[in-house]
Amino acid sequence: NTIKLIPFALLGRFSQEQLTANLWMMPILPVGVLIGYGIVRIMHEKFYTRFIYLTLVLTSVTLIYRALAGI
């Protein structure tokens, strides 16, 4: 993830507003970790794997679309 910082910086993806928003969201991170931990513990492995693959496909399609559309 650290290596990704270089291309993001070169593309101008960092701004004062973005960094400020990220700092404001940091206190929420533990809540997300706890929710994720709970989901992993109650969901059957088969469904969890499918959920992860579906999420990765949707994220990938969104990123490719945004890259091609120039968004």
PDB file of N, CA and C in Angstrom:
ATOM      1  N   ASN A   1       0.812  -1.196   0.000  1.00  0.00           N
ATOM      2  CA  ASN A   1       0.000   0.000   0.000  1.00  0.00           C
ATOM      3  C   ASN A   1       0.855   1.259   0.000  1.00  0.00           C
ATOM      4  N   THR A   2       1.993   1.177   0.639  1.00  0.00           N
ATOM      5  CA  THR A   2       2.870   2.348   0.670  1.00  0.00           C
ATOM      6  C   THR A   2       3.348   2.710  -0.727  1.00  0.00           C
ATOM      7  N   ILE A   3       3.592   1.713  -1.551  1.00  0.00           N
ATOM      8  CA  ILE A   3       4.059   1.950  -2.920  1.00  0.00           C
ATOM      9  C   ILE A   3       3.002   2.702  -3.723  1.00  0.00           C
ATOM     10  N   LYS A   4       1.738   2.508  -3.415  1.00  0.00           N
ATOM     11  CA  LYS A   4       0.657   3.191  -4.130  1.00  0.00           C
ATOM     12  C   LYS A   4       0.680   4.698  -3.903  1.00  0.00           C
ATOM     13  N   LEU A   5       1.300   5.147  -2.834  1.00  0.00           N
ATOM     14  CA  LEU A   5       1.323   6.577  -2.542  1.00  0.00           C
ATOM     15  C   LEU A   5       2.019   7.378  -3.639  1.00  0.00           C
ATOM     16  N   ILE A   6       3.047   6.823  -4.232  1.00  0.00           N
ATOM     17  CA  ILE A   6       3.801   7.545  -5.267  1.00  0.00           C
ATOM     18  C   ILE A   6       2.924   7.847  -6.485  1.00  0.00           C
ATOM     19  N   PRO A   7       2.271   6.844  -7.105  1.00  0.00           N
ATOM     20  CA  PRO A   7       1.413   7.174  -8.259  1.00  0.00           C
ATOM     21  C   PRO A   7       0.257   8.100  -7.885  1.00  0.00           C
ATOM     22  N   PHE A   8      -0.336   7.892  -6.704  1.00  0.00           N
ATOM     23  CA  PHE A   8      -1.431   8.770  -6.290  1.00  0.00           C
ATOM     24  C   PHE A   8      -0.954  10.210  -6.172  1.00  0.00           C
ATOM     25  N   ALA A   9       0.221  10.398  -5.607  1.00  0.00           N
ATOM     26  CA  ALA A   9       0.764  11.753  -5.474  1.00  0.00           C
ATOM     27  C   ALA A   9       1.060  12.350  -6.837  1.00  0.00           C
ATOM     28  N   LEU A  10       1.618  11.546  -7.750  1.00  0.00           N
ATOM     29  CA  LEU A  10       1.929  12.037  -9.091  1.00  0.00           C
ATOM     30  C   LEU A  10       0.670  12.393  -9.877  1.00  0.00           C
ATOM     31  N   LEU A  11      -0.422  11.728  -9.588  1.00  0.00           N
ATOM     32  CA  LEU A  11      -1.688  12.008 -10.260  1.00  0.00           C
ATOM     33  C   LEU A  11      -2.453  13.143  -9.589  1.00  0.00           C
ATOM     34  N   GLY A  12      -1.902  13.679  -8.536  1.00  0.00           N
ATOM     35  CA  GLY A  12      -2.560  14.788  -7.841  1.00  0.00           C
ATOM     36  C   GLY A  12      -3.790  14.371  -7.065  1.00  0.00           C
ATOM     37  N   ARG A  13      -3.783  13.160  -6.547  1.00  0.00           N
ATOM     38  CA  ARG A  13      -4.950  12.639  -5.839  1.00  0.00           C
ATOM     39  C   ARG A  13      -5.016  13.079  -4.380  1.00  0.00           C
ATOM     40  N   PHE A  14      -3.974  13.737  -3.899  1.00  0.00           N
ATOM     41  CA  PHE A  14      -3.972  14.209  -2.523  1.00  0.00           C
ATOM     42  C   PHE A  14      -4.280  15.694  -2.498  1.00  0.00           C
ATOM     43  N   SER A  15      -5.170  16.063  -1.612  1.00  0.00           N
ATOM     44  CA  SER A  15      -5.479  17.470  -1.422  1.00  0.00           C
ATOM     45  C   SER A  15      -5.680  17.699   0.071  1.00  0.00           C
ATOM     46  N   GLN A  16      -5.653  18.939   0.456  1.00  0.00           N
ATOM     47  CA  GLN A  16      -5.859  19.273   1.869  1.00  0.00           C
ATOM     48  C   GLN A  16      -7.232  18.792   2.331  1.00  0.00           C
ATOM     49  N   GLU A  17      -8.254  18.959   1.481  1.00  0.00           N
ATOM     50  CA  GLU A  17      -9.606  18.533   1.842  1.00  0.00           C
ATOM     51  C   GLU A  17      -9.675  17.018   2.039  1.00  0.00           C
ATOM     52  N   GLN A  18      -9.019  16.280   1.135  1.00  0.00           N
ATOM     53  CA  GLN A  18      -9.033  14.824   1.216  1.00  0.00           C
ATOM     54  C   GLN A  18      -8.323  14.343   2.477  1.00  0.00           C
ATOM     55  N   LEU A  19      -7.179  14.918   2.769  1.00  0.00           N
ATOM     56  CA  LEU A  19      -6.439  14.520   3.962  1.00  0.00           C
ATOM     57  C   LEU A  19      -7.212  14.870   5.236  1.00  0.00           C
ATOM     58  N   THR A  20      -7.875  16.013   5.231  1.00  0.00           N
ATOM     59  CA  THR A  20      -8.692  16.401   6.393  1.00  0.00           C
ATOM     60  C   THR A  20      -9.853  15.424   6.582  1.00  0.00           C
ATOM     61  N   ALA A  21     -10.515  15.070   5.492  1.00  0.00           N
ATOM     62  CA  ALA A  21     -11.619  14.109   5.577  1.00  0.00           C
ATOM     63  C   ALA A  21     -11.124  12.768   6.102  1.00  0.00           C
ATOM     64  N   ASN A  22      -9.955  12.347   5.646  1.00  0.00           N
ATOM     65  CA  ASN A  22      -9.395  11.076   6.119  1.00  0.00           C
ATOM     66  C   ASN A  22      -9.123  11.112   7.618  1.00  0.00           C
ATOM     67  N   LEU A  23      -8.606  12.225   8.091  1.00  0.00           N
ATOM     68  CA  LEU A  23      -8.344  12.346   9.531  1.00  0.00           C
ATOM     69  C   LEU A  23      -9.637  12.290  10.343  1.00  0.00           C
ATOM     70  N   TRP A  24     -10.699  12.900   9.828  1.00  0.00           N
ATOM     71  CA  TRP A  24     -11.988  12.875  10.524  1.00  0.00           C
ATOM     72  C   TRP A  24     -12.575  11.470  10.569  1.00  0.00           C
ATOM     73  N   MET A  25     -12.276  10.652   9.554  1.00  0.00           N
ATOM     74  CA  MET A  25     -12.832   9.302   9.497  1.00  0.00           C
ATOM     75  C   MET A  25     -12.036   8.288  10.315  1.00  0.00           C
ATOM     76  N   MET A  26     -10.825   8.633  10.716  1.00  0.00           N
ATOM     77  CA  MET A  26      -9.983   7.683  11.442  1.00  0.00           C
ATOM     78  C   MET A  26     -10.618   7.128  12.715  1.00  0.00           C
ATOM     79  N   PRO A  27     -11.354   7.919  13.494  1.00  0.00           N
ATOM     80  CA  PRO A  27     -11.963   7.333  14.699  1.00  0.00           C
ATOM     81  C   PRO A  27     -12.999   6.245  14.386  1.00  0.00           C
ATOM     82  N   ILE A  28     -13.511   6.221  13.184  1.00  0.00           N
ATOM     83  CA  ILE A  28     -14.523   5.236  12.805  1.00  0.00           C
ATOM     84  C   ILE A  28     -13.889   3.896  12.434  1.00  0.00           C
ATOM     85  N   LEU A  29     -12.598   3.873  12.146  1.00  0.00           N
ATOM     86  CA  LEU A  29     -11.922   2.652  11.727  1.00  0.00           C
ATOM     87  C   LEU A  29     -12.119   1.474  12.678  1.00  0.00           C
ATOM     88  N   PRO A  30     -11.965   1.658  13.980  1.00  0.00           N
ATOM     89  CA  PRO A  30     -12.176   0.505  14.875  1.00  0.00           C
ATOM     90  C   PRO A  30     -13.586  -0.087  14.772  1.00  0.00           C
ATOM     91  N   VAL A  31     -14.565   0.751  14.517  1.00  0.00           N
ATOM     92  CA  VAL A  31     -15.945   0.254  14.356  1.00  0.00           C
ATOM     93  C   VAL A  31     -16.017  -0.660  13.131  1.00  0.00           C
ATOM     94  N   GLY A  32     -15.406  -0.243  12.039  1.00  0.00           N
ATOM     95  CA  GLY A  32     -15.394  -1.072  10.835  1.00  0.00           C
ATOM     96  C   GLY A  32     -14.671  -2.390  11.046  1.00  0.00           C
ATOM     97  N   VAL A  33     -13.580  -2.343  11.790  1.00  0.00           N
ATOM     98  CA  VAL A  33     -12.832  -3.574  12.090  1.00  0.00           C
ATOM     99  C   VAL A  33     -13.696  -4.523  12.909  1.00  0.00           C
ATOM    100  N   LEU A  34     -14.380  -4.004  13.905  1.00  0.00           N
ATOM    101  CA  LEU A  34     -15.232  -4.855  14.743  1.00  0.00           C
ATOM    102  C   LEU A  34     -16.392  -5.443  13.945  1.00  0.00           C
ATOM    103  N   ILE A  35     -16.982  -4.646  13.074  1.00  0.00           N
ATOM    104  CA  ILE A  35     -18.081  -5.159  12.237  1.00  0.00           C
ATOM    105  C   ILE A  35     -17.563  -6.260  11.317  1.00  0.00           C
ATOM    106  N   GLY A  36     -16.414  -6.016  10.694  1.00  0.00           N
ATOM    107  CA  GLY A  36     -15.824  -7.033   9.814  1.00  0.00           C
ATOM    108  C   GLY A  36     -15.494  -8.305  10.563  1.00  0.00           C
ATOM    109  N   TYR A  37     -14.943  -8.168  11.747  1.00  0.00           N
ATOM    110  CA  TYR A  37     -14.620  -9.335  12.576  1.00  0.00           C
ATOM    111  C   TYR A  37     -15.888 -10.119  12.909  1.00  0.00           C
ATOM    112  N   GLY A  38     -16.946  -9.398  13.249  1.00  0.00           N
ATOM    113  CA  GLY A  38     -18.208 -10.062  13.564  1.00  0.00           C
ATOM    114  C   GLY A  38     -18.793 -10.789  12.368  1.00  0.00           C
ATOM    115  N   ILE A  39     -18.714 -10.166  11.200  1.00  0.00           N
ATOM    116  CA  ILE A  39     -19.236 -10.805   9.985  1.00  0.00           C
ATOM    117  C   ILE A  39     -18.475 -12.083   9.688  1.00  0.00           C
ATOM    118  N   VAL A  40     -17.158 -12.038   9.802  1.00  0.00           N
ATOM    119  CA  VAL A  40     -16.338 -13.222   9.526  1.00  0.00           C
ATOM    120  C   VAL A  40     -16.695 -14.348  10.490  1.00  0.00           C
ATOM    121  N   ARG A  41     -16.964 -14.013  11.739  1.00  0.00           N
ATOM    122  CA  ARG A  41     -17.253 -15.052  12.736  1.00  0.00           C
ATOM    123  C   ARG A  41     -18.627 -15.699  12.546  1.00  0.00           C
ATOM    124  N   ILE A  42     -19.624 -14.944  12.039  1.00  0.00           N
ATOM    125  CA  ILE A  42     -20.972 -15.525  11.944  1.00  0.00           C
ATOM    126  C   ILE A  42     -21.293 -16.076  10.554  1.00  0.00           C
ATOM    127  N   MET A  43     -20.569 -15.632   9.543  1.00  0.00           N
ATOM    128  CA  MET A  43     -20.876 -16.057   8.177  1.00  0.00           C
ATOM    129  C   MET A  43     -20.139 -17.357   7.848  1.00  0.00           C
ATOM    130  N   HIS A  44     -20.834 -18.265   7.173  1.00  0.00           N
ATOM    131  CA  HIS A  44     -20.196 -19.503   6.738  1.00  0.00           C
ATOM    132  C   HIS A  44     -19.105 -19.176   5.728  1.00  0.00           C
ATOM    133  N   GLU A  45     -18.047 -19.972   5.756  1.00  0.00           N
ATOM    134  CA  GLU A  45     -16.880 -19.707   4.906  1.00  0.00           C
ATOM    135  C   GLU A  45     -17.261 -19.632   3.427  1.00  0.00           C
ATOM    136  N   LYS A  46     -18.135 -20.507   2.989  1.00  0.00           N
ATOM    137  CA  LYS A  46     -18.552 -20.544   1.576  1.00  0.00           C
ATOM    138  C   LYS A  46     -19.203 -19.215   1.172  1.00  0.00           C
ATOM    139  N   PHE A  47     -20.107 -18.714   1.994  1.00  0.00           N
ATOM    140  CA  PHE A  47     -20.789 -17.454   1.684  1.00  0.00           C
ATOM    141  C   PHE A  47     -19.849 -16.261   1.823  1.00  0.00           C
ATOM    142  N   TYR A  48     -18.955 -16.337   2.806  1.00  0.00           N
ATOM    143  CA  TYR A  48     -17.992 -15.259   3.001  1.00  0.00           C
ATOM    144  C   TYR A  48     -17.083 -15.139   1.776  1.00  0.00           C
ATOM    145  N   THR A  49     -16.596 -16.267   1.274  1.00  0.00           N
ATOM    146  CA  THR A  49     -15.733 -16.261   0.088  1.00  0.00           C
ATOM    147  C   THR A  49     -16.474 -15.678  -1.107  1.00  0.00           C
ATOM    148  N   ARG A  50     -17.711 -16.075  -1.299  1.00  0.00           N
ATOM    149  CA  ARG A  50     -18.513 -15.530  -2.408  1.00  0.00           C
ATOM    150  C   ARG A  50     -18.726 -14.023  -2.246  1.00  0.00           C
ATOM    151  N   PHE A  51     -18.986 -13.599  -1.020  1.00  0.00           N
ATOM    152  CA  PHE A  51     -19.176 -12.178  -0.730  1.00  0.00           C
ATOM    153  C   PHE A  51     -17.909 -11.389  -1.075  1.00  0.00           C
ATOM    154  N   ILE A  52     -16.757 -11.903  -0.686  1.00  0.00           N
ATOM    155  CA  ILE A  52     -15.491 -11.229  -0.975  1.00  0.00           C
ATOM    156  C   ILE A  52     -15.249 -11.162  -2.472  1.00  0.00           C
ATOM    157  N   TYR A  53     -15.466 -12.266  -3.186  1.00  0.00           N
ATOM    158  CA  TYR A  53     -15.266 -12.259  -4.647  1.00  0.00           C
ATOM    159  C   TYR A  53     -16.221 -11.280  -5.326  1.00  0.00           C
ATOM    160  N   LEU A  54     -17.461 -11.265  -4.898  1.00  0.00           N
ATOM    161  CA  LEU A  54     -18.437 -10.342  -5.480  1.00  0.00           C
ATOM    162  C   LEU A  54     -18.021  -8.900  -5.231  1.00  0.00           C
ATOM    163  N   THR A  55     -17.593  -8.612  -4.016  1.00  0.00           N
ATOM    164  CA  THR A  55     -17.143  -7.267  -3.684  1.00  0.00           C
ATOM    165  C   THR A  55     -15.930  -6.869  -4.523  1.00  0.00           C
ATOM    166  N   LEU A  56     -14.988  -7.783  -4.707  1.00  0.00           N
ATOM    167  CA  LEU A  56     -13.806  -7.496  -5.526  1.00  0.00           C
ATOM    168  C   LEU A  56     -14.167  -7.256  -6.988  1.00  0.00           C
ATOM    169  N   VAL A  57     -15.093  -8.047  -7.514  1.00  0.00           N
ATOM    170  CA  VAL A  57     -15.524  -7.859  -8.909  1.00  0.00           C
ATOM    171  C   VAL A  57     -16.201  -6.501  -9.075  1.00  0.00           C
ATOM    172  N   LEU A  58     -17.111  -6.166  -8.176  1.00  0.00           N
ATOM    173  CA  LEU A  58     -17.807  -4.885  -8.279  1.00  0.00           C
ATOM    174  C   LEU A  58     -16.838  -3.705  -8.148  1.00  0.00           C
ATOM    175  N   THR A  59     -15.897  -3.816  -7.233  1.00  0.00           N
ATOM    176  CA  THR A  59     -14.907  -2.759  -7.060  1.00  0.00           C
ATOM    177  C   THR A  59     -14.029  -2.636  -8.305  1.00  0.00           C
ATOM    178  N   SER A  60     -13.605  -3.758  -8.853  1.00  0.00           N
ATOM    179  CA  SER A  60     -12.760  -3.745 -10.050  1.00  0.00           C
ATOM    180  C   SER A  60     -13.481  -3.134 -11.241  1.00  0.00           C
ATOM    181  N   VAL A  61     -14.723  -3.525 -11.442  1.00  0.00           N
ATOM    182  CA  VAL A  61     -15.505  -2.980 -12.557  1.00  0.00           C
ATOM    183  C   VAL A  61     -15.682  -1.472 -12.384  1.00  0.00           C
ATOM    184  N   THR A  62     -15.964  -1.048 -11.169  1.00  0.00           N
ATOM    185  CA  THR A  62     -16.124   0.381 -10.904  1.00  0.00           C
ATOM    186  C   THR A  62     -14.836   1.145 -11.197  1.00  0.00           C
ATOM    187  N   LEU A  63     -13.699   0.620 -10.737  1.00  0.00           N
ATOM    188  CA  LEU A  63     -12.425   1.289 -10.968  1.00  0.00           C
ATOM    189  C   LEU A  63     -12.070   1.346 -12.451  1.00  0.00           C
ATOM    190  N   ILE A  64     -12.315   0.262 -13.177  1.00  0.00           N
ATOM    191  CA  ILE A  64     -12.041   0.254 -14.615  1.00  0.00           C
ATOM    192  C   ILE A  64     -12.935   1.241 -15.331  1.00  0.00           C
ATOM    193  N   TYR A  65     -14.214   1.261 -14.993  1.00  0.00           N
ATOM    194  CA  TYR A  65     -15.140   2.211 -15.606  1.00  0.00           C
ATOM    195  C   TYR A  65     -14.696   3.650 -15.365  1.00  0.00           C
ATOM    196  N   ARG A  66     -14.350   3.942 -14.110  1.00  0.00           N
ATOM    197  CA  ARG A  66     -13.941   5.309 -13.772  1.00  0.00           C
ATOM    198  C   ARG A  66     -12.651   5.703 -14.494  1.00  0.00           C
ATOM    199  N   ALA A  67     -11.743   4.748 -14.646  1.00  0.00           N
ATOM    200  CA  ALA A  67     -10.493   5.035 -15.353  1.00  0.00           C
ATOM    201  C   ALA A  67     -10.756   5.315 -16.828  1.00  0.00           C
ATOM    202  N   LEU A  68     -11.614   4.511 -17.434  1.00  0.00           N
ATOM    203  CA  LEU A  68     -11.922   4.705 -18.866  1.00  0.00           C
ATOM    204  C   LEU A  68     -12.759   5.953 -19.116  1.00  0.00           C
ATOM    205  N   ALA A  69     -13.634   6.276 -18.157  1.00  0.00           N
ATOM    206  CA  ALA A  69     -14.485   7.455 -18.313  1.00  0.00           C
ATOM    207  C   ALA A  69     -13.775   8.742 -17.915  1.00  0.00           C
ATOM    208  N   GLY A  70     -12.609   8.601 -17.283  1.00  0.00           N
ATOM    209  CA  GLY A  70     -11.852   9.776 -16.865  1.00  0.00           C
ATOM    210  C   GLY A  70     -12.430  10.482 -15.662  1.00  0.00           C
ATOM    211  N   ILE A  71     -13.104   9.717 -14.821  1.00  0.00           N
ATOM    212  CA  ILE A  71     -13.725  10.306 -13.622  1.00  0.00           C
ATOM    213  C   ILE A  71     -12.723  10.325 -12.499  1.00  0.00           C
TER     214      ILE A  71
END
